[in-house]
């Protein structure tokens, strides 16, 4: 707050910084912004989970992504009786089922119902018939105009 209660200055305090230190109109609070090329945590995690490593299973050399290796180890822990691993795997399975159900419902909602398909089909048939009739009418009008001058032997 101000020292002089009779001054014309605005109050200063929480949520009311001094006017000279406020952002100016059109000025960003972070003028430099995020540097180009900097990665967020999600993109770093996805890149590292996609890294492939050589793995030997029963004498057969293959490569697996970090993601596959982690999930396989988690399932192995759950199979050995690790309660937290079991809970995590079951919860993940339920969430994946829910996501699949949402995707399936979304795909079905994009499809037209048979009655709506019939409405669109009737509309298109009506519109194409109307377009053909108007083409036919305009064709007759053009032949009348050009046909009249040809019959009289005059050049157009």
N, C-alpha and C. Protein backbone atom coordinates (compact mmCIF):
# COMPACT_ATOMS: atom_id res chain seq x y z
N UNK A 1 0.83 -1.18 0.00
CA UNK A 1 0.00 0.00 0.00
C UNK A 1 0.88 1.24 0.00
N UNK A 2 0.27 2.34 -0.24
CA UNK A 2 1.02 3.59 -0.28
C UNK A 2 1.17 4.15 1.12
N UNK A 3 2.23 4.93 1.30
CA UNK A 3 2.45 5.54 2.61
C UNK A 3 1.49 6.69 2.86
N UNK A 4 1.13 7.39 1.81
CA UNK A 4 0.27 8.56 1.93
C UNK A 4 -1.15 8.19 1.53
N UNK A 5 -2.10 8.14 2.47
CA UNK A 5 -3.47 7.74 2.13
C UNK A 5 -4.18 8.75 1.24
N UNK A 6 -3.72 9.98 1.16
CA UNK A 6 -4.37 11.00 0.35
C UNK A 6 -3.84 11.04 -1.08
N UNK A 7 -2.85 10.21 -1.44
CA UNK A 7 -2.27 10.26 -2.79
C UNK A 7 -3.24 9.66 -3.80
N UNK A 8 -3.08 10.05 -5.05
CA UNK A 8 -3.95 9.59 -6.12
C UNK A 8 -3.48 8.28 -6.73
N UNK A 9 -2.39 7.70 -6.20
CA UNK A 9 -1.86 6.46 -6.74
C UNK A 9 -2.80 5.30 -6.45
N UNK A 10 -2.75 4.31 -7.32
CA UNK A 10 -3.56 3.12 -7.13
C UNK A 10 -2.97 2.28 -6.01
N UNK A 11 -3.78 1.49 -5.33
CA UNK A 11 -3.23 0.64 -4.25
C UNK A 11 -2.29 -0.41 -4.83
N UNK A 12 -1.30 -0.76 -4.07
CA UNK A 12 -0.31 -1.75 -4.47
C UNK A 12 -0.34 -2.84 -3.42
N UNK A 13 -0.36 -4.08 -3.88
CA UNK A 13 -0.38 -5.20 -2.95
C UNK A 13 -0.57 -6.49 -3.71
N UNK A 14 -1.09 -7.53 -3.04
CA UNK A 14 -1.27 -8.82 -3.65
C UNK A 14 -2.24 -8.70 -4.82
N UNK A 15 -1.82 -9.13 -5.99
CA UNK A 15 -2.65 -9.08 -7.19
C UNK A 15 -2.72 -7.71 -7.82
N UNK A 16 -2.05 -6.71 -7.23
CA UNK A 16 -2.05 -5.36 -7.79
C UNK A 16 -0.62 -4.82 -7.76
N UNK A 17 0.21 -5.26 -8.70
CA UNK A 17 1.60 -4.78 -8.71
C UNK A 17 1.65 -3.30 -9.10
N UNK A 18 2.76 -2.65 -8.80
CA UNK A 18 2.88 -1.24 -9.20
C UNK A 18 2.71 -1.11 -10.71
N UNK A 19 2.14 -0.02 -11.15
CA UNK A 19 1.82 0.17 -12.56
C UNK A 19 3.07 0.08 -13.44
N UNK A 20 4.21 0.57 -12.99
CA UNK A 20 5.42 0.56 -13.82
C UNK A 20 5.96 -0.86 -14.04
N UNK A 21 5.58 -1.81 -13.18
CA UNK A 21 6.12 -3.17 -13.34
C UNK A 21 5.11 -4.14 -13.94
N UNK A 22 3.94 -3.64 -14.32
CA UNK A 22 2.94 -4.50 -14.96
C UNK A 22 3.32 -4.75 -16.42
N UNK A 23 2.77 -5.85 -16.99
CA UNK A 23 3.01 -6.11 -18.41
C UNK A 23 2.40 -4.98 -19.22
N UNK A 24 3.12 -4.55 -20.22
CA UNK A 24 2.62 -3.53 -21.12
C UNK A 24 1.69 -4.19 -22.14
N UNK A 25 0.70 -3.48 -22.67
CA UNK A 25 -0.19 -4.07 -23.66
C UNK A 25 0.59 -4.60 -24.86
N UNK A 26 0.29 -5.82 -25.26
CA UNK A 26 0.95 -6.44 -26.39
C UNK A 26 2.29 -7.07 -26.06
N UNK A 27 2.68 -7.05 -24.80
CA UNK A 27 3.97 -7.61 -24.40
C UNK A 27 3.74 -8.91 -23.66
N UNK A 28 4.46 -9.95 -24.05
CA UNK A 28 4.31 -11.26 -23.44
C UNK A 28 5.06 -11.32 -22.12
N UNK A 29 4.58 -12.16 -21.22
CA UNK A 29 5.28 -12.39 -19.96
C UNK A 29 6.50 -13.28 -20.14
N UNK A 30 6.58 -13.95 -21.30
CA UNK A 30 7.72 -14.81 -21.60
C UNK A 30 8.16 -14.51 -23.03
N UNK A 31 8.86 -13.39 -23.23
CA UNK A 31 9.13 -12.95 -24.59
C UNK A 31 9.96 -13.91 -25.42
N UNK A 32 10.90 -14.60 -24.81
CA UNK A 32 11.72 -15.53 -25.57
C UNK A 32 10.98 -16.84 -25.84
N UNK A 33 10.07 -17.20 -24.97
CA UNK A 33 9.29 -18.42 -25.15
C UNK A 33 10.13 -19.67 -25.00
N UNK A 34 9.54 -20.79 -25.33
CA UNK A 34 10.25 -22.06 -25.25
C UNK A 34 11.24 -22.12 -26.41
N UNK A 35 12.49 -22.48 -26.14
CA UNK A 35 13.47 -22.53 -27.23
C UNK A 35 13.09 -23.57 -28.27
N UNK A 36 13.37 -23.27 -29.53
CA UNK A 36 13.08 -24.21 -30.60
C UNK A 36 13.92 -25.47 -30.40
N UNK A 37 13.31 -26.58 -30.67
CA UNK A 37 14.02 -27.85 -30.57
C UNK A 37 14.01 -28.45 -29.19
N UNK A 38 13.53 -27.72 -28.18
CA UNK A 38 13.48 -28.31 -26.85
C UNK A 38 12.33 -29.31 -26.81
N UNK A 39 12.52 -30.38 -26.10
CA UNK A 39 11.55 -31.47 -26.06
C UNK A 39 10.78 -31.44 -24.74
N UNK A 40 9.52 -31.84 -24.81
CA UNK A 40 8.77 -31.98 -23.57
C UNK A 40 8.93 -33.41 -23.06
N UNK A 41 8.48 -33.66 -21.85
CA UNK A 41 8.69 -34.96 -21.22
C UNK A 41 8.03 -36.08 -22.02
N UNK A 42 6.85 -35.83 -22.56
CA UNK A 42 6.14 -36.86 -23.32
C UNK A 42 6.91 -37.31 -24.54
N UNK A 43 7.47 -36.36 -25.29
CA UNK A 43 8.19 -36.75 -26.50
C UNK A 43 9.49 -37.48 -26.15
N UNK A 44 10.15 -37.08 -25.07
CA UNK A 44 11.36 -37.78 -24.64
C UNK A 44 11.03 -39.20 -24.23
N UNK A 45 9.95 -39.36 -23.44
CA UNK A 45 9.54 -40.69 -22.98
C UNK A 45 9.20 -41.59 -24.15
N UNK A 46 8.42 -41.09 -25.10
CA UNK A 46 8.04 -41.92 -26.26
C UNK A 46 9.26 -42.33 -27.07
N UNK A 47 10.20 -41.40 -27.25
CA UNK A 47 11.41 -41.72 -28.01
C UNK A 47 12.21 -42.81 -27.30
N UNK A 48 12.34 -42.70 -25.97
CA UNK A 48 13.12 -43.69 -25.23
C UNK A 48 12.40 -45.04 -25.15
N UNK A 49 11.08 -45.03 -25.11
CA UNK A 49 10.34 -46.29 -25.07
C UNK A 49 10.40 -47.02 -26.41
N UNK A 50 10.69 -46.30 -27.48
CA UNK A 50 10.78 -46.93 -28.80
C UNK A 50 12.18 -47.45 -29.14
N UNK A 51 13.16 -47.18 -28.28
CA UNK A 51 14.52 -47.65 -28.53
C UNK A 51 14.53 -49.18 -28.48
N UNK A 52 15.16 -49.79 -29.46
CA UNK A 52 15.20 -51.26 -29.55
C UNK A 52 16.50 -51.80 -28.98
N UNK A 53 16.38 -52.94 -28.27
CA UNK A 53 17.54 -53.61 -27.69
C UNK A 53 17.57 -55.05 -28.15
N UNK A 54 18.77 -55.62 -28.31
CA UNK A 54 18.85 -57.05 -28.64
C UNK A 54 18.48 -57.88 -27.40
N UNK A 55 17.66 -58.89 -27.62
CA UNK A 55 17.19 -59.74 -26.53
C UNK A 55 17.34 -61.19 -26.97
N UNK A 56 17.73 -62.03 -26.02
CA UNK A 56 17.85 -63.46 -26.31
C UNK A 56 16.79 -64.21 -25.51
N UNK A 57 15.90 -64.89 -26.20
CA UNK A 57 14.87 -65.69 -25.54
C UNK A 57 14.98 -67.12 -26.04
N UNK A 58 15.27 -68.01 -25.12
CA UNK A 58 15.41 -69.45 -25.44
C UNK A 58 16.40 -69.67 -26.57
N UNK A 59 17.48 -68.90 -26.54
CA UNK A 59 18.53 -69.07 -27.53
C UNK A 59 18.28 -68.36 -28.84
N UNK A 60 17.18 -67.67 -28.98
CA UNK A 60 16.86 -66.97 -30.22
C UNK A 60 17.09 -65.47 -30.02
N UNK A 61 17.94 -64.89 -30.86
CA UNK A 61 18.22 -63.45 -30.77
C UNK A 61 17.16 -62.65 -31.53
N UNK A 62 16.54 -61.71 -30.83
CA UNK A 62 15.57 -60.80 -31.45
C UNK A 62 15.82 -59.40 -30.91
N UNK A 63 15.08 -58.45 -31.40
CA UNK A 63 15.13 -57.10 -30.84
C UNK A 63 13.74 -56.74 -30.33
N UNK A 64 13.71 -56.03 -29.20
CA UNK A 64 12.45 -55.58 -28.62
C UNK A 64 12.61 -54.14 -28.17
N UNK A 65 11.50 -53.42 -28.21
CA UNK A 65 11.53 -52.02 -27.76
C UNK A 65 11.56 -52.01 -26.23
N UNK A 66 11.99 -50.90 -25.69
CA UNK A 66 12.01 -50.73 -24.24
C UNK A 66 10.61 -50.92 -23.69
N UNK A 67 9.63 -50.44 -24.41
CA UNK A 67 8.23 -50.57 -24.00
C UNK A 67 7.85 -52.04 -23.83
N UNK A 68 8.20 -52.87 -24.83
CA UNK A 68 7.88 -54.30 -24.76
C UNK A 68 8.60 -54.97 -23.59
N UNK A 69 9.86 -54.62 -23.40
CA UNK A 69 10.64 -55.23 -22.32
C UNK A 69 10.04 -54.88 -20.96
N UNK A 70 9.67 -53.62 -20.77
CA UNK A 70 9.09 -53.20 -19.48
C UNK A 70 7.76 -53.89 -19.22
N UNK A 71 6.92 -53.97 -20.23
CA UNK A 71 5.62 -54.61 -20.04
C UNK A 71 5.79 -56.10 -19.76
N UNK A 72 6.72 -56.74 -20.47
CA UNK A 72 6.97 -58.16 -20.24
C UNK A 72 7.45 -58.40 -18.81
N UNK A 73 8.38 -57.56 -18.33
CA UNK A 73 8.88 -57.72 -16.96
C UNK A 73 7.77 -57.47 -15.94
N UNK A 74 6.92 -56.50 -16.21
CA UNK A 74 5.81 -56.20 -15.30
C UNK A 74 4.86 -57.39 -15.23
N UNK A 75 4.57 -58.01 -16.36
CA UNK A 75 3.68 -59.18 -16.39
C UNK A 75 4.34 -60.35 -15.66
N UNK A 76 5.65 -60.51 -15.84
CA UNK A 76 6.36 -61.58 -15.13
C UNK A 76 6.29 -61.37 -13.62
N UNK A 77 6.45 -60.12 -13.17
CA UNK A 77 6.35 -59.82 -11.74
C UNK A 77 4.95 -60.14 -11.22
N UNK A 78 3.93 -59.76 -12.00
CA UNK A 78 2.55 -60.03 -11.59
C UNK A 78 2.33 -61.54 -11.51
N UNK A 79 2.88 -62.29 -12.45
CA UNK A 79 2.71 -63.75 -12.45
C UNK A 79 3.39 -64.38 -11.24
N UNK A 80 4.47 -63.76 -10.74
CA UNK A 80 5.16 -64.28 -9.55
C UNK A 80 4.47 -63.88 -8.26
N UNK A 81 3.42 -63.04 -8.35
CA UNK A 81 2.66 -62.70 -7.16
C UNK A 81 2.86 -61.30 -6.64
N UNK A 82 3.56 -60.46 -7.37
CA UNK A 82 3.74 -59.07 -6.94
C UNK A 82 2.39 -58.36 -7.03
N UNK A 83 1.87 -57.96 -5.87
CA UNK A 83 0.53 -57.39 -5.79
C UNK A 83 0.42 -56.07 -6.56
N UNK A 84 1.40 -55.19 -6.41
CA UNK A 84 1.34 -53.89 -7.10
C UNK A 84 1.40 -54.07 -8.62
N UNK A 85 2.24 -54.98 -9.07
CA UNK A 85 2.33 -55.23 -10.50
C UNK A 85 1.01 -55.79 -11.02
N UNK A 86 0.39 -56.69 -10.26
CA UNK A 86 -0.90 -57.27 -10.66
C UNK A 86 -1.96 -56.19 -10.75
N UNK A 87 -2.04 -55.32 -9.73
CA UNK A 87 -3.03 -54.25 -9.73
C UNK A 87 -2.82 -53.31 -10.91
N UNK A 88 -1.56 -52.99 -11.19
CA UNK A 88 -1.25 -52.08 -12.29
C UNK A 88 -1.66 -52.69 -13.63
N UNK A 89 -1.32 -53.96 -13.83
CA UNK A 89 -1.66 -54.63 -15.10
C UNK A 89 -3.17 -54.72 -15.27
N UNK A 90 -3.90 -55.08 -14.22
CA UNK A 90 -5.36 -55.19 -14.32
C UNK A 90 -6.00 -53.83 -14.58
N UNK A 91 -5.49 -52.79 -13.90
CA UNK A 91 -6.03 -51.45 -14.12
C UNK A 91 -5.75 -50.99 -15.55
N UNK A 92 -4.55 -51.23 -16.04
CA UNK A 92 -4.19 -50.87 -17.41
C UNK A 92 -5.07 -51.60 -18.42
N UNK A 93 -5.33 -52.89 -18.15
CA UNK A 93 -6.18 -53.68 -19.04
C UNK A 93 -7.60 -53.10 -19.09
N UNK A 94 -8.14 -52.70 -17.94
CA UNK A 94 -9.49 -52.12 -17.91
C UNK A 94 -9.52 -50.79 -18.66
N UNK A 95 -8.48 -49.97 -18.49
CA UNK A 95 -8.44 -48.69 -19.19
C UNK A 95 -8.35 -48.89 -20.70
N UNK A 96 -7.56 -49.86 -21.13
CA UNK A 96 -7.45 -50.14 -22.56
C UNK A 96 -8.77 -50.65 -23.12
N UNK A 97 -9.50 -51.48 -22.34
CA UNK A 97 -10.83 -51.93 -22.78
C UNK A 97 -11.78 -50.75 -22.93
N UNK A 98 -11.71 -49.80 -21.99
CA UNK A 98 -12.58 -48.62 -22.06
C UNK A 98 -12.25 -47.78 -23.29
N UNK A 99 -10.96 -47.62 -23.57
CA UNK A 99 -10.55 -46.85 -24.75
C UNK A 99 -11.03 -47.53 -26.03
N UNK A 100 -10.90 -48.86 -26.09
CA UNK A 100 -11.36 -49.60 -27.26
C UNK A 100 -12.87 -49.45 -27.44
N UNK A 101 -13.62 -49.49 -26.33
CA UNK A 101 -15.08 -49.33 -26.40
C UNK A 101 -15.44 -47.93 -26.92
N UNK A 102 -14.72 -46.92 -26.46
CA UNK A 102 -14.99 -45.55 -26.94
C UNK A 102 -14.69 -45.41 -28.42
N UNK A 103 -13.59 -46.01 -28.85
CA UNK A 103 -13.26 -45.95 -30.28
C UNK A 103 -14.32 -46.65 -31.12
N UNK A 104 -14.77 -47.80 -30.64
CA UNK A 104 -15.79 -48.55 -31.38
C UNK A 104 -17.09 -47.76 -31.45
N UNK A 105 -17.47 -47.13 -30.33
CA UNK A 105 -18.69 -46.32 -30.32
C UNK A 105 -18.54 -45.12 -31.24
N UNK A 106 -17.35 -44.53 -31.26
CA UNK A 106 -17.10 -43.39 -32.13
C UNK A 106 -17.20 -43.80 -33.59
N UNK A 107 -16.65 -44.96 -33.93
CA UNK A 107 -16.71 -45.44 -35.31
C UNK A 107 -18.15 -45.71 -35.73
N UNK A 108 -18.95 -46.27 -34.80
CA UNK A 108 -20.34 -46.56 -35.12
C UNK A 108 -21.15 -45.28 -35.29
N UNK A 109 -20.82 -44.26 -34.50
CA UNK A 109 -21.58 -43.01 -34.59
C UNK A 109 -21.31 -42.30 -35.91
N UNK A 110 -20.20 -42.59 -36.56
CA UNK A 110 -19.89 -41.97 -37.84
C UNK A 110 -20.68 -42.59 -38.98
N UNK A 111 -21.15 -43.80 -38.79
CA UNK A 111 -21.92 -44.48 -39.83
C UNK A 111 -23.34 -43.94 -39.84
N UNK A 112 -23.93 -43.86 -41.03
CA UNK A 112 -25.31 -43.41 -41.15
C UNK A 112 -26.25 -44.57 -40.90
N UNK A 113 -27.34 -44.27 -40.23
CA UNK A 113 -28.35 -45.30 -40.02
C UNK A 113 -29.03 -45.59 -41.36
N UNK A 114 -29.63 -46.79 -41.51
CA UNK A 114 -30.29 -47.12 -42.78
C UNK A 114 -31.38 -46.12 -43.17
N UNK A 115 -32.15 -45.63 -42.19
CA UNK A 115 -33.21 -44.67 -42.53
C UNK A 115 -32.62 -43.35 -43.01
N UNK A 116 -31.50 -42.93 -42.42
CA UNK A 116 -30.86 -41.69 -42.85
C UNK A 116 -30.25 -41.86 -44.24
N UNK A 117 -29.73 -43.06 -44.52
CA UNK A 117 -29.20 -43.34 -45.85
C UNK A 117 -30.31 -43.22 -46.89
N UNK A 118 -31.51 -43.74 -46.55
CA UNK A 118 -32.64 -43.66 -47.47
C UNK A 118 -33.03 -42.21 -47.73
N UNK A 119 -33.00 -41.37 -46.69
CA UNK A 119 -33.35 -39.96 -46.84
C UNK A 119 -32.36 -39.28 -47.79
N UNK A 120 -31.06 -39.54 -47.57
CA UNK A 120 -30.04 -38.94 -48.44
C UNK A 120 -30.16 -39.44 -49.87
N UNK A 121 -30.47 -40.73 -50.04
CA UNK A 121 -30.61 -41.29 -51.38
C UNK A 121 -31.77 -40.64 -52.12
N UNK A 122 -32.91 -40.48 -51.43
CA UNK A 122 -34.07 -39.84 -52.04
C UNK A 122 -33.76 -38.39 -52.39
N UNK A 123 -33.06 -37.70 -51.50
CA UNK A 123 -32.68 -36.31 -51.77
C UNK A 123 -31.79 -36.20 -53.00
N UNK A 124 -30.80 -37.06 -53.10
CA UNK A 124 -29.89 -37.03 -54.25
C UNK A 124 -30.63 -37.36 -55.55
N UNK A 125 -31.54 -38.33 -55.49
CA UNK A 125 -32.31 -38.67 -56.69
C UNK A 125 -33.16 -37.49 -57.14
N UNK A 126 -33.79 -36.81 -56.17
CA UNK A 126 -34.62 -35.66 -56.48
C UNK A 126 -33.78 -34.53 -57.08
N UNK A 127 -32.62 -34.28 -56.50
CA UNK A 127 -31.76 -33.20 -56.98
C UNK A 127 -31.20 -33.50 -58.37
N UNK A 128 -30.81 -34.74 -58.62
CA UNK A 128 -30.27 -35.07 -59.95
C UNK A 128 -31.38 -35.00 -61.00
N UNK A 129 -32.59 -35.41 -60.64
CA UNK A 129 -33.71 -35.32 -61.58
C UNK A 129 -34.01 -33.86 -61.89
N UNK A 130 -33.98 -33.01 -60.87
CA UNK A 130 -34.24 -31.58 -61.07
C UNK A 130 -33.14 -30.96 -61.93
N UNK A 131 -31.90 -31.34 -61.72
CA UNK A 131 -30.78 -30.82 -62.51
C UNK A 131 -30.94 -31.24 -63.97
N UNK A 132 -31.37 -32.49 -64.22
CA UNK A 132 -31.56 -32.96 -65.59
C UNK A 132 -32.69 -32.20 -66.27
N UNK A 133 -33.78 -31.95 -65.52
CA UNK A 133 -34.90 -31.21 -66.10
C UNK A 133 -34.47 -29.79 -66.46
N UNK A 134 -33.69 -29.14 -65.58
CA UNK A 134 -33.26 -27.77 -65.87
C UNK A 134 -32.27 -27.75 -67.04
N UNK A 135 -31.43 -28.77 -67.17
CA UNK A 135 -30.53 -28.86 -68.33
C UNK A 135 -31.34 -29.04 -69.61
N UNK A 136 -32.36 -29.88 -69.53
CA UNK A 136 -33.21 -30.14 -70.69
C UNK A 136 -33.92 -28.86 -71.12
N UNK A 137 -34.45 -28.11 -70.13
CA UNK A 137 -35.14 -26.86 -70.43
C UNK A 137 -34.19 -25.85 -71.05
N UNK A 138 -32.99 -25.70 -70.47
CA UNK A 138 -32.05 -24.73 -71.02
C UNK A 138 -31.56 -25.17 -72.40
N UNK A 139 -31.47 -26.45 -72.65
CA UNK A 139 -31.09 -26.96 -73.97
C UNK A 139 -32.13 -26.66 -75.01
N UNK A 140 -33.43 -26.77 -74.64
CA UNK A 140 -34.51 -26.45 -75.57
C UNK A 140 -34.50 -24.97 -75.91
N UNK A 141 -34.26 -24.13 -74.91
CA UNK A 141 -34.27 -22.68 -75.12
C UNK A 141 -33.13 -22.29 -76.05
N UNK A 142 -31.97 -22.89 -75.90
CA UNK A 142 -30.84 -22.58 -76.77
C UNK A 142 -31.10 -23.05 -78.19
N UNK A 143 -31.73 -24.22 -78.36
CA UNK A 143 -32.01 -24.71 -79.72
C UNK A 143 -33.07 -23.85 -80.41
N UNK A 144 -34.03 -23.32 -79.65
CA UNK A 144 -35.03 -22.43 -80.24
C UNK A 144 -34.38 -21.16 -80.76
N UNK A 145 -33.45 -20.59 -79.97
CA UNK A 145 -32.81 -19.35 -80.36
C UNK A 145 -31.91 -19.58 -81.56
N UNK A 146 -31.08 -20.59 -81.52
CA UNK A 146 -30.16 -20.84 -82.63
C UNK A 146 -30.90 -21.46 -83.81
N UNK A 147 -31.92 -22.25 -83.56
CA UNK A 147 -32.66 -22.90 -84.64
C UNK A 147 -33.43 -21.90 -85.47
N UNK A 148 -33.96 -20.83 -84.88
CA UNK A 148 -34.73 -19.83 -85.59
C UNK A 148 -33.88 -19.10 -86.62
N UNK A 149 -32.67 -18.79 -86.28
CA UNK A 149 -31.81 -18.03 -87.21
C UNK A 149 -31.31 -18.93 -88.31
N UNK A 150 -31.09 -20.22 -88.06
CA UNK A 150 -30.63 -21.12 -89.10
C UNK A 150 -31.72 -21.38 -90.13
N UNK A 151 -32.99 -21.44 -89.69
CA UNK A 151 -34.07 -21.73 -90.61
C UNK A 151 -34.27 -20.61 -91.61
N UNK A 152 -34.03 -19.39 -91.19
CA UNK A 152 -34.24 -18.26 -92.07
C UNK A 152 -33.05 -18.06 -93.00
N UNK A 153 -31.97 -18.79 -92.76
CA UNK A 153 -30.81 -18.71 -93.64
C UNK A 153 -29.89 -17.57 -93.30
N UNK A 154 -30.13 -16.89 -92.19
CA UNK A 154 -29.26 -15.78 -91.79
C UNK A 154 -28.06 -16.32 -91.03
N UNK A 155 -26.98 -15.65 -91.19
CA UNK A 155 -25.78 -16.05 -90.44
C UNK A 155 -25.88 -15.51 -89.03
N UNK A 156 -25.42 -16.26 -88.09
CA UNK A 156 -25.50 -15.76 -86.70
C UNK A 156 -24.54 -14.63 -86.44
